Amino acid sequence: MPTTFSHAYSNVPTEIPQYSLSTILLVWAAAAIPMAILGWIVGPALTLRSDPVLVRLAVLTVGLVWQFVLVMLLLYRETRTLQWPILKARLWLGTPRSPQTGVTSGRLWWWLIPCITLTAIFDLRIKGFVDHAWVSVLPFLAEPPGWSLGAALATPEARSQLVGAWGTGGLFLVNALFNTILGEELLFRGLLLRMGGVFARGDWVANGLLFGLYHLHQPWGIFSSITHGVLLFALPSRYFRSAWFGIAAHSGQSIFFAVLMLGLILGLA
């Protein structure tokens, strides 16, 4: 059960309950285990008759939708309401606050630019090397052949099959929406970032670590996901007390692929 964190830690508002360690781990497991089952058991079982990339995208989308449902269930259990003002405050979906004064300020939105830029630089220039080094040390965590969406889109045959495939585009958009806004980010930065009762000022580090380790469904990217989670998503969200920083940074890749997918569907790419 959540408890109120009321001792001297000024960056954590006392009106927002802080979860115990056992609750944090249970919520983490409620997100991570279904995704692992969907990714490693359900997906491969269904690919016997269908495209493995699309099947994997579809089954993992189910897991992401479940995370949104999980967040709503937990918040309703805590507050007995799903009214927007309460959800907005509880999930840190408001205007960012000054770390020094705690006062909201629209000028702090400008910090989204370096957050998004640094995430893009990491994804485009560094992530590939990090993932390669990670699976070089732990080769049994390498991505199975035929599972990569990026690799699937790299062939002319696959790109030609996407022309006019609006159903596939719709599936991708739903996946992206629940991945970077309503699923992972709402759960990890919206719900779980209030860990100060257990981890004090290291709550953002713990949050990012749990986010990385949650990726049991794609362990070849765990280390880069930890980097994402700690430095690029949790840190700015925690610093400005706004989950929108993690959402915006996390959504950059989804927007890129959405534009690419649209170009493929229209036959422009």
C-alpha atoms as a PDB file:
ATOM      1  CA  MET A   1       0.000   0.000   0.000  1.00  0.00           C
ATOM      2  CA  PRO A   2       1.230   3.552  -0.683  1.00  0.00           C
ATOM      3  CA  THR A   3       2.302   5.662   2.252  1.00  0.00           C
ATOM      4  CA  THR A   4       2.663   9.414   2.567  1.00  0.00           C
ATOM      5  CA  PHE A   5       6.264  10.603   2.535  1.00  0.00           C
ATOM      6  CA  SER A   6       6.343  13.409   5.068  1.00  0.00           C
ATOM      7  CA  HIS A   7       9.866  13.734   6.463  1.00  0.00           C
ATOM      8  CA  ALA A   8      12.487  16.218   5.247  1.00  0.00           C
ATOM      9  CA  TYR A   9      12.693  15.743   1.508  1.00  0.00           C
ATOM     10  CA  SER A  10      11.357  18.946   0.027  1.00  0.00           C
ATOM     11  CA  ASN A  11      11.314  17.799  -3.603  1.00  0.00           C
ATOM     12  CA  VAL A  12       8.597  15.218  -2.943  1.00  0.00           C
ATOM     13  CA  PRO A  13       5.131  16.736  -2.402  1.00  0.00           C
ATOM     14  CA  THR A  14       3.641  15.208   0.750  1.00  0.00           C
ATOM     15  CA  GLU A  15       0.150  15.030  -0.775  1.00  0.00           C
ATOM     16  CA  ILE A  16       1.282  12.411  -3.298  1.00  0.00           C
ATOM     17  CA  PRO A  17       1.609   8.953  -1.702  1.00  0.00           C
ATOM     18  CA  GLN A  18       4.930   7.175  -1.844  1.00  0.00           C
ATOM     19  CA  TYR A  19       5.014   3.467  -2.580  1.00  0.00           C
ATOM     20  CA  SER A  20       6.755   0.915  -0.393  1.00  0.00           C
ATOM     21  CA  LEU A  21       9.505  -1.218  -1.931  1.00  0.00           C
ATOM     22  CA  SER A  22       7.232  -4.247  -2.148  1.00  0.00           C
ATOM     23  CA  THR A  23       4.537  -2.240  -3.947  1.00  0.00           C
ATOM     24  CA  ILE A  24       7.089  -0.794  -6.387  1.00  0.00           C
ATOM     25  CA  LEU A  25       8.347  -4.273  -7.251  1.00  0.00           C
ATOM     26  CA  LEU A  26       4.824  -5.670  -7.599  1.00  0.00           C
ATOM     27  CA  VAL A  27       3.833  -2.880  -9.996  1.00  0.00           C
ATOM     28  CA  TRP A  28       7.060  -3.421 -11.942  1.00  0.00           C
ATOM     29  CA  ALA A  29       6.341  -7.148 -12.189  1.00  0.00           C
ATOM     30  CA  ALA A  30       2.743  -6.493 -13.265  1.00  0.00           C
ATOM     31  CA  ALA A  31       4.153  -4.626 -16.273  1.00  0.00           C
ATOM     32  CA  ALA A  32       7.313  -6.607 -17.034  1.00  0.00           C
ATOM     33  CA  ILE A  33       6.072 -10.192 -16.739  1.00  0.00           C
ATOM     34  CA  PRO A  34       3.103  -9.864 -19.146  1.00  0.00           C
ATOM     35  CA  MET A  35       5.365  -8.177 -21.706  1.00  0.00           C
ATOM     36  CA  ALA A  36       7.911 -10.998 -21.379  1.00  0.00           C
ATOM     37  CA  ILE A  37       5.208 -13.651 -21.812  1.00  0.00           C
ATOM     38  CA  LEU A  38       3.742 -11.850 -24.816  1.00  0.00           C
ATOM     39  CA  GLY A  39       7.150 -11.290 -26.404  1.00  0.00           C
ATOM     40  CA  TRP A  40       8.708 -14.703 -25.829  1.00  0.00           C
ATOM     41  CA  ILE A  41       5.757 -17.125 -25.718  1.00  0.00           C
ATOM     42  CA  VAL A  42       2.603 -15.674 -27.278  1.00  0.00           C
ATOM     43  CA  GLY A  43       4.328 -13.874 -30.146  1.00  0.00           C
ATOM     44  CA  PRO A  44       6.433 -16.828 -31.365  1.00  0.00           C
ATOM     45  CA  ALA A  45       3.417 -19.142 -31.066  1.00  0.00           C
ATOM     46  CA  LEU A  46       1.373 -16.889 -33.343  1.00  0.00           C
ATOM     47  CA  THR A  47       4.125 -16.311 -35.907  1.00  0.00           C
ATOM     48  CA  LEU A  48       3.739 -19.820 -37.264  1.00  0.00           C
ATOM     49  CA  ARG A  49       1.123 -18.437 -39.649  1.00  0.00           C
ATOM     50  CA  SER A  50       1.938 -14.731 -39.852  1.00  0.00           C
ATOM     51  CA  ASP A  51       4.707 -12.162 -40.249  1.00  0.00           C
ATOM     52  CA  PRO A  52       6.816 -12.344 -37.051  1.00  0.00           C
ATOM     53  CA  VAL A  53       7.504  -8.588 -36.988  1.00  0.00           C
ATOM     54  CA  LEU A  54       3.842  -7.596 -37.235  1.00  0.00           C
ATOM     55  CA  VAL A  55       2.732 -10.282 -34.797  1.00  0.00           C
ATOM     56  CA  ARG A  56       5.310  -9.156 -32.279  1.00  0.00           C
ATOM     57  CA  LEU A  57       4.221  -5.542 -32.732  1.00  0.00           C
ATOM     58  CA  ALA A  58       0.586  -6.545 -32.161  1.00  0.00           C
ATOM     59  CA  VAL A  59       1.106  -8.701 -29.070  1.00  0.00           C
ATOM     60  CA  LEU A  60       3.381  -6.167 -27.396  1.00  0.00           C
ATOM     61  CA  THR A  61       0.759  -3.502 -28.078  1.00  0.00           C
ATOM     62  CA  VAL A  62      -1.623  -5.589 -25.961  1.00  0.00           C
ATOM     63  CA  GLY A  63       0.918  -5.481 -23.130  1.00  0.00           C
ATOM     64  CA  LEU A  64       1.275  -1.715 -23.440  1.00  0.00           C
ATOM     65  CA  VAL A  65      -2.492  -1.223 -23.333  1.00  0.00           C
ATOM     66  CA  TRP A  66      -2.531  -3.372 -20.188  1.00  0.00           C
ATOM     67  CA  GLN A  67      -0.058  -0.958 -18.584  1.00  0.00           C
ATOM     68  CA  PHE A  68      -2.488   1.912 -19.140  1.00  0.00           C
ATOM     69  CA  VAL A  69      -5.281  -0.158 -17.595  1.00  0.00           C
ATOM     70  CA  LEU A  70      -2.976  -1.012 -14.682  1.00  0.00           C
ATOM     71  CA  VAL A  71      -2.253   2.657 -14.018  1.00  0.00           C
ATOM     72  CA  MET A  72      -5.955   3.503 -14.036  1.00  0.00           C
ATOM     73  CA  LEU A  73      -6.804   0.607 -11.720  1.00  0.00           C
ATOM     74  CA  LEU A  74      -4.107   1.544  -9.225  1.00  0.00           C
ATOM     75  CA  LEU A  75      -5.067   5.208  -9.218  1.00  0.00           C
ATOM     76  CA  TYR A  76      -8.732   4.406  -8.780  1.00  0.00           C
ATOM     77  CA  ARG A  77      -7.837   2.113  -5.884  1.00  0.00           C
ATOM     78  CA  GLU A  78      -5.925   4.970  -4.263  1.00  0.00           C
ATOM     79  CA  THR A  79      -8.242   7.888  -4.942  1.00  0.00           C
ATOM     80  CA  ARG A  80     -11.650   6.296  -5.694  1.00  0.00           C
ATOM     81  CA  THR A  81     -11.975   8.623  -8.684  1.00  0.00           C
ATOM     82  CA  LEU A  82     -10.628   9.099 -12.177  1.00  0.00           C
ATOM     83  CA  GLN A  83     -11.373  12.797 -12.415  1.00  0.00           C
ATOM     84  CA  TRP A  84      -8.852  14.618 -14.594  1.00  0.00           C
ATOM     85  CA  PRO A  85      -7.635  17.195 -12.004  1.00  0.00           C
ATOM     86  CA  ILE A  86      -6.701  14.388  -9.610  1.00  0.00           C
ATOM     87  CA  LEU A  87      -5.133  12.238 -12.322  1.00  0.00           C
ATOM     88  CA  LYS A  88      -3.209  15.229 -13.626  1.00  0.00           C
ATOM     89  CA  ALA A  89      -1.712  15.951 -10.217  1.00  0.00           C
ATOM     90  CA  ARG A  90      -1.060  12.329  -9.303  1.00  0.00           C
ATOM     91  CA  LEU A  91       0.631  11.531 -12.642  1.00  0.00           C
ATOM     92  CA  TRP A  92       2.658  14.763 -12.846  1.00  0.00           C
ATOM     93  CA  LEU A  93       0.946  15.822 -16.068  1.00  0.00           C
ATOM     94  CA  GLY A  94       0.971  19.515 -15.314  1.00  0.00           C
ATOM     95  CA  THR A  95       3.245  22.468 -15.992  1.00  0.00           C
ATOM     96  CA  PRO A  96       6.853  21.870 -14.870  1.00  0.00           C
ATOM     97  CA  ARG A  97       7.943  23.265 -11.516  1.00  0.00           C
ATOM     98  CA  SER A  98      11.078  25.094 -10.557  1.00  0.00           C
ATOM     99  CA  PRO A  99      13.400  22.758  -8.629  1.00  0.00           C
ATOM    100  CA  GLN A 100      14.353  25.666  -6.349  1.00  0.00           C
ATOM    101  CA  THR A 101      10.941  27.168  -5.539  1.00  0.00           C
ATOM    102  CA  GLY A 102       8.441  24.480  -6.523  1.00  0.00           C
ATOM    103  CA  VAL A 103       6.490  27.101  -8.482  1.00  0.00           C
ATOM    104  CA  THR A 104       5.138  26.199 -11.932  1.00  0.00           C
ATOM    105  CA  SER A 105       6.555  28.161 -14.850  1.00  0.00           C
ATOM    106  CA  GLY A 106       5.793  27.994 -18.562  1.00  0.00           C
ATOM    107  CA  ARG A 107       9.353  29.058 -19.325  1.00  0.00           C
ATOM    108  CA  LEU A 108      10.586  25.676 -18.111  1.00  0.00           C
ATOM    109  CA  TRP A 109       9.022  24.040 -21.168  1.00  0.00           C
ATOM    110  CA  TRP A 110      12.059  25.298 -23.109  1.00  0.00           C
ATOM    111  CA  TRP A 111      14.067  22.583 -21.363  1.00  0.00           C
ATOM    112  CA  LEU A 112      12.207  20.074 -23.525  1.00  0.00           C
ATOM    113  CA  ILE A 113      14.430  21.087 -26.455  1.00  0.00           C
ATOM    114  CA  PRO A 114      17.737  19.863 -24.971  1.00  0.00           C
ATOM    115  CA  CYS A 115      16.001  16.783 -23.541  1.00  0.00           C
ATOM    116  CA  ILE A 116      14.635  15.772 -26.938  1.00  0.00           C
ATOM    117  CA  THR A 117      17.879  16.698 -28.703  1.00  0.00           C
ATOM    118  CA  LEU A 118      20.072  14.661 -26.357  1.00  0.00           C
ATOM    119  CA  THR A 119      17.761  11.674 -26.701  1.00  0.00           C
ATOM    120  CA  ALA A 120      17.903  11.915 -30.497  1.00  0.00           C
ATOM    121  CA  ILE A 121      21.708  12.125 -30.438  1.00  0.00           C
ATOM    122  CA  PHE A 122      21.908   9.079 -28.197  1.00  0.00           C
ATOM    123  CA  ASP A 123      19.495   7.079 -30.358  1.00  0.00           C
ATOM    124  CA  LEU A 124      21.138   7.999 -33.667  1.00  0.00           C
ATOM    125  CA  ARG A 125      24.827   8.049 -32.699  1.00  0.00           C
ATOM    126  CA  ILE A 126      25.374   6.047 -29.513  1.00  0.00           C
ATOM    127  CA  LYS A 127      22.626   3.503 -28.921  1.00  0.00           C
ATOM    128  CA  GLY A 128      23.812   1.142 -31.655  1.00  0.00           C
ATOM    129  CA  PHE A 129      27.292   0.912 -30.132  1.00  0.00           C
ATOM    130  CA  VAL A 130      25.856   0.436 -26.632  1.00  0.00           C
ATOM    131  CA  ASP A 131      23.563  -2.368 -27.753  1.00  0.00           C
ATOM    132  CA  HIS A 132      26.366  -4.046 -29.699  1.00  0.00           C
ATOM    133  CA  ALA A 133      28.690  -3.929 -26.696  1.00  0.00           C
ATOM    134  CA  TRP A 134      25.922  -5.243 -24.433  1.00  0.00           C
ATOM    135  CA  VAL A 135      25.202  -8.326 -26.541  1.00  0.00           C
ATOM    136  CA  SER A 136      28.928  -8.852 -27.153  1.00  0.00           C
ATOM    137  CA  VAL A 137      29.345  -9.337 -23.412  1.00  0.00           C
ATOM    138  CA  LEU A 138      26.078 -11.277 -23.082  1.00  0.00           C
ATOM    139  CA  PRO A 139      25.556 -12.917 -26.496  1.00  0.00           C
ATOM    140  CA  PHE A 140      22.640 -15.056 -25.267  1.00  0.00           C
ATOM    141  CA  LEU A 141      20.619 -11.817 -25.025  1.00  0.00           C
ATOM    142  CA  ALA A 142      21.006 -11.014 -28.732  1.00  0.00           C
ATOM    143  CA  GLU A 143      17.879 -10.251 -30.744  1.00  0.00           C
ATOM    144  CA  PRO A 144      16.598 -13.347 -32.614  1.00  0.00           C
ATOM    145  CA  PRO A 145      16.763 -13.144 -36.426  1.00  0.00           C
ATOM    146  CA  GLY A 146      13.645 -11.770 -38.072  1.00  0.00           C
ATOM    147  CA  TRP A 147      12.395  -9.833 -35.031  1.00  0.00           C
ATOM    148  CA  SER A 148      13.747  -6.386 -35.883  1.00  0.00           C
ATOM    149  CA  LEU A 149      11.282  -3.855 -37.270  1.00  0.00           C
ATOM    150  CA  GLY A 150      14.120  -1.706 -38.589  1.00  0.00           C
ATOM    151  CA  ALA A 151      15.712  -4.627 -40.403  1.00  0.00           C
ATOM    152  CA  ALA A 152      12.352  -5.642 -41.857  1.00  0.00           C
ATOM    153  CA  LEU A 153      11.825  -2.171 -43.301  1.00  0.00           C
ATOM    154  CA  ALA A 154      15.309  -2.155 -44.818  1.00  0.00           C
ATOM    155  CA  THR A 155      14.444  -4.470 -47.708  1.00  0.00           C
ATOM    156  CA  PRO A 156      12.772  -3.139 -50.885  1.00  0.00           C
ATOM    157  CA  GLU A 157      10.305  -6.055 -50.818  1.00  0.00           C
ATOM    158  CA  ALA A 158       9.080  -5.196 -47.322  1.00  0.00           C
ATOM    159  CA  ARG A 159       8.792  -1.503 -48.151  1.00  0.00           C
ATOM    160  CA  SER A 160       6.743  -2.252 -51.253  1.00  0.00           C
ATOM    161  CA  GLN A 161       4.333  -4.399 -49.239  1.00  0.00           C
ATOM    162  CA  LEU A 162       3.579  -1.448 -46.956  1.00  0.00           C
ATOM    163  CA  VAL A 163       2.241   0.722 -49.788  1.00  0.00           C
ATOM    164  CA  GLY A 164      -1.425   1.264 -48.961  1.00  0.00           C
ATOM    165  CA  ALA A 165      -1.172  -0.847 -45.779  1.00  0.00           C
ATOM    166  CA  TRP A 166      -3.187   1.503 -43.574  1.00  0.00           C
ATOM    167  CA  GLY A 167      -4.029  -1.278 -41.146  1.00  0.00           C
ATOM    168  CA  THR A 168      -0.345  -1.806 -40.402  1.00  0.00           C
ATOM    169  CA  GLY A 169       0.123   1.930 -40.028  1.00  0.00           C
ATOM    170  CA  GLY A 170      -2.781   2.109 -37.597  1.00  0.00           C
ATOM    171  CA  LEU A 171      -1.321  -0.727 -35.537  1.00  0.00           C
ATOM    172  CA  PHE A 172       2.008   1.074 -35.365  1.00  0.00           C
ATOM    173  CA  LEU A 173       0.366   4.327 -34.241  1.00  0.00           C
ATOM    174  CA  VAL A 174      -1.573   2.549 -31.479  1.00  0.00           C
ATOM    175  CA  ASN A 175       1.635   0.846 -30.350  1.00  0.00           C
ATOM    176  CA  ALA A 176       3.496   4.161 -30.335  1.00  0.00           C
ATOM    177  CA  LEU A 177       0.711   5.929 -28.430  1.00  0.00           C
ATOM    178  CA  PHE A 178       0.645   3.379 -25.637  1.00  0.00           C
ATOM    179  CA  ASN A 179       4.414   2.926 -25.661  1.00  0.00           C
ATOM    180  CA  THR A 180       5.560   6.485 -25.180  1.00  0.00           C
ATOM    181  CA  ILE A 181       2.513   8.207 -23.669  1.00  0.00           C
ATOM    182  CA  LEU A 182      -0.258   6.057 -22.228  1.00  0.00           C
ATOM    183  CA  GLY A 183       1.754   2.932 -21.389  1.00  0.00           C
ATOM    184  CA  GLU A 184       5.398   2.908 -20.366  1.00  0.00           C
ATOM    185  CA  GLU A 185       5.766   6.604 -19.618  1.00  0.00           C
ATOM    186  CA  LEU A 186       2.466   6.951 -17.777  1.00  0.00           C
ATOM    187  CA  LEU A 187       3.443   3.962 -15.660  1.00  0.00           C
ATOM    188  CA  PHE A 188       7.121   4.654 -14.985  1.00  0.00           C
ATOM    189  CA  ARG A 189       7.346   8.454 -14.966  1.00  0.00           C
ATOM    190  CA  GLY A 190       3.709   9.181 -14.142  1.00  0.00           C
ATOM    191  CA  LEU A 191       2.949   6.587 -11.474  1.00  0.00           C
ATOM    192  CA  LEU A 192       6.212   5.082 -10.237  1.00  0.00           C
ATOM    193  CA  LEU A 193       8.575   8.036 -10.115  1.00  0.00           C
ATOM    194  CA  ARG A 194       7.360   8.919  -6.640  1.00  0.00           C
ATOM    195  CA  MET A 195       9.845   6.517  -5.011  1.00  0.00           C
ATOM    196  CA  GLY A 196      11.304   8.997  -2.540  1.00  0.00           C
ATOM    197  CA  GLY A 197       9.941   7.113   0.456  1.00  0.00           C
ATOM    198  CA  VAL A 198      12.289   4.227  -0.377  1.00  0.00           C
ATOM    199  CA  PHE A 199      15.134   5.685  -2.450  1.00  0.00           C
ATOM    200  CA  ALA A 200      15.139   9.341  -1.278  1.00  0.00           C
ATOM    201  CA  ARG A 201      17.123  11.500  -3.734  1.00  0.00           C
ATOM    202  CA  GLY A 202      18.113   8.455  -5.754  1.00  0.00           C
ATOM    203  CA  ASP A 203      14.517   7.787  -6.795  1.00  0.00           C
ATOM    204  CA  TRP A 204      15.157   8.809 -10.400  1.00  0.00           C
ATOM    205  CA  VAL A 205      18.109   6.396 -10.638  1.00  0.00           C
ATOM    206  CA  ALA A 206      16.039   3.534  -9.236  1.00  0.00           C
ATOM    207  CA  ASN A 207      13.216   4.423 -11.599  1.00  0.00           C
ATOM    208  CA  GLY A 208      15.507   4.320 -14.631  1.00  0.00           C
ATOM    209  CA  LEU A 209      17.048   1.019 -13.554  1.00  0.00           C
ATOM    210  CA  LEU A 210      13.638  -0.572 -13.154  1.00  0.00           C
ATOM    211  CA  PHE A 211      12.619   0.815 -16.528  1.00  0.00           C
ATOM    212  CA  GLY A 212      15.624  -0.779 -18.200  1.00  0.00           C
ATOM    213  CA  LEU A 213      15.151  -4.120 -16.448  1.00  0.00           C
ATOM    214  CA  TYR A 214      11.474  -4.085 -17.359  1.00  0.00           C
ATOM    215  CA  HIS A 215      12.545  -4.739 -20.968  1.00  0.00           C
ATOM    216  CA  LEU A 216      12.690  -8.503 -20.500  1.00  0.00           C
ATOM    217  CA  HIS A 217      10.796  -8.769 -23.778  1.00  0.00           C
ATOM    218  CA  GLN A 218      13.792  -7.260 -25.594  1.00  0.00           C
ATOM    219  CA  PRO A 219      16.837  -7.911 -23.397  1.00  0.00           C
ATOM    220  CA  TRP A 220      19.264  -6.983 -26.172  1.00  0.00           C
ATOM    221  CA  GLY A 221      18.432  -3.347 -25.403  1.00  0.00           C
ATOM    222  CA  ILE A 222      18.334  -3.419 -21.604  1.00  0.00           C
ATOM    223  CA  PHE A 223      21.512  -1.405 -21.088  1.00  0.00           C
ATOM    224  CA  SER A 224      20.522   1.352 -23.501  1.00  0.00           C
ATOM    225  CA  SER A 225      17.038   1.341 -21.934  1.00  0.00           C
ATOM    226  CA  ILE A 226      18.649   1.907 -18.533  1.00  0.00           C
ATOM    227  CA  THR A 227      20.528   4.865 -20.012  1.00  0.00           C
ATOM    228  CA  HIS A 228      17.307   6.179 -21.485  1.00  0.00           C
ATOM    229  CA  GLY A 229      15.429   5.620 -18.268  1.00  0.00           C
ATOM    230  CA  VAL A 230      17.923   7.112 -15.834  1.00  0.00           C
ATOM    231  CA  LEU A 231      19.405  10.087 -17.685  1.00  0.00           C
ATOM    232  CA  LEU A 232      16.973  11.002 -20.448  1.00  0.00           C
ATOM    233  CA  PHE A 233      13.516  10.180 -19.055  1.00  0.00           C
ATOM    234  CA  ALA A 234      13.510   9.960 -15.255  1.00  0.00           C
ATOM    235  CA  LEU A 235      16.056  12.679 -14.435  1.00  0.00           C
ATOM    236  CA  PRO A 236      14.358  15.595 -16.254  1.00  0.00           C
ATOM    237  CA  SER A 237      10.888  14.376 -15.245  1.00  0.00           C
ATOM    238  CA  ARG A 238      11.956  14.218 -11.615  1.00  0.00           C
ATOM    239  CA  TYR A 239      13.886  17.483 -11.718  1.00  0.00           C
ATOM    240  CA  PHE A 240      10.963  19.482 -13.080  1.00  0.00           C
ATOM    241  CA  ARG A 241       8.238  17.309 -11.501  1.00  0.00           C
ATOM    242  CA  SER A 242       6.592  16.797 -14.871  1.00  0.00           C
ATOM    243  CA  ALA A 243       6.144  13.465 -16.633  1.00  0.00           C
ATOM    244  CA  TRP A 244       5.883  15.366 -19.915  1.00  0.00           C
ATOM    245  CA  PHE A 245       9.683  15.516 -20.112  1.00  0.00           C
ATOM    246  CA  GLY A 246       9.974  11.742 -20.215  1.00  0.00           C
ATOM    247  CA  ILE A 247       7.002  11.509 -22.567  1.00  0.00           C
ATOM    248  CA  ALA A 248       8.453  14.052 -24.999  1.00  0.00           C
ATOM    249  CA  ALA A 249      11.947  12.543 -25.007  1.00  0.00           C
ATOM    250  CA  HIS A 250      10.606   9.003 -25.353  1.00  0.00           C
ATOM    251  CA  SER A 251       8.222   9.979 -28.163  1.00  0.00           C
ATOM    252  CA  GLY A 252      10.909  11.262 -30.525  1.00  0.00           C
ATOM    253  CA  GLN A 253      11.678   7.818 -31.906  1.00  0.00           C
ATOM    254  CA  SER A 254       7.971   7.038 -32.317  1.00  0.00           C
ATOM    255  CA  ILE A 255       7.404  10.239 -34.283  1.00  0.00           C
ATOM    256  CA  PHE A 256      10.373   9.445 -36.525  1.00  0.00           C
ATOM    257  CA  PHE A 257       9.066   5.958 -37.315  1.00  0.00           C
ATOM    258  CA  ALA A 258       5.506   7.260 -37.709  1.00  0.00           C
ATOM    259  CA  VAL A 259       6.654   9.704 -40.394  1.00  0.00           C
ATOM    260  CA  LEU A 260       8.694   6.950 -42.052  1.00  0.00           C
ATOM    261  CA  MET A 261       5.727   4.580 -41.928  1.00  0.00           C
ATOM    262  CA  LEU A 262       3.434   7.197 -43.443  1.00  0.00           C
ATOM    263  CA  GLY A 263       5.909   7.744 -46.263  1.00  0.00           C
ATOM    264  CA  LEU A 264       6.051   3.992 -46.924  1.00  0.00           C
ATOM    265  CA  ILE A 265       2.272   3.643 -46.918  1.00  0.00           C
ATOM    266  CA  LEU A 266       1.941   6.552 -49.350  1.00  0.00           C
ATOM    267  CA  GLY A 267       4.689   5.069 -51.523  1.00  0.00           C
ATOM    268  CA  LEU A 268       6.980   8.053 -50.963  1.00  0.00           C
ATOM    269  CA  ALA A 269       9.825   6.299 -49.145  1.00  0.00           C
END
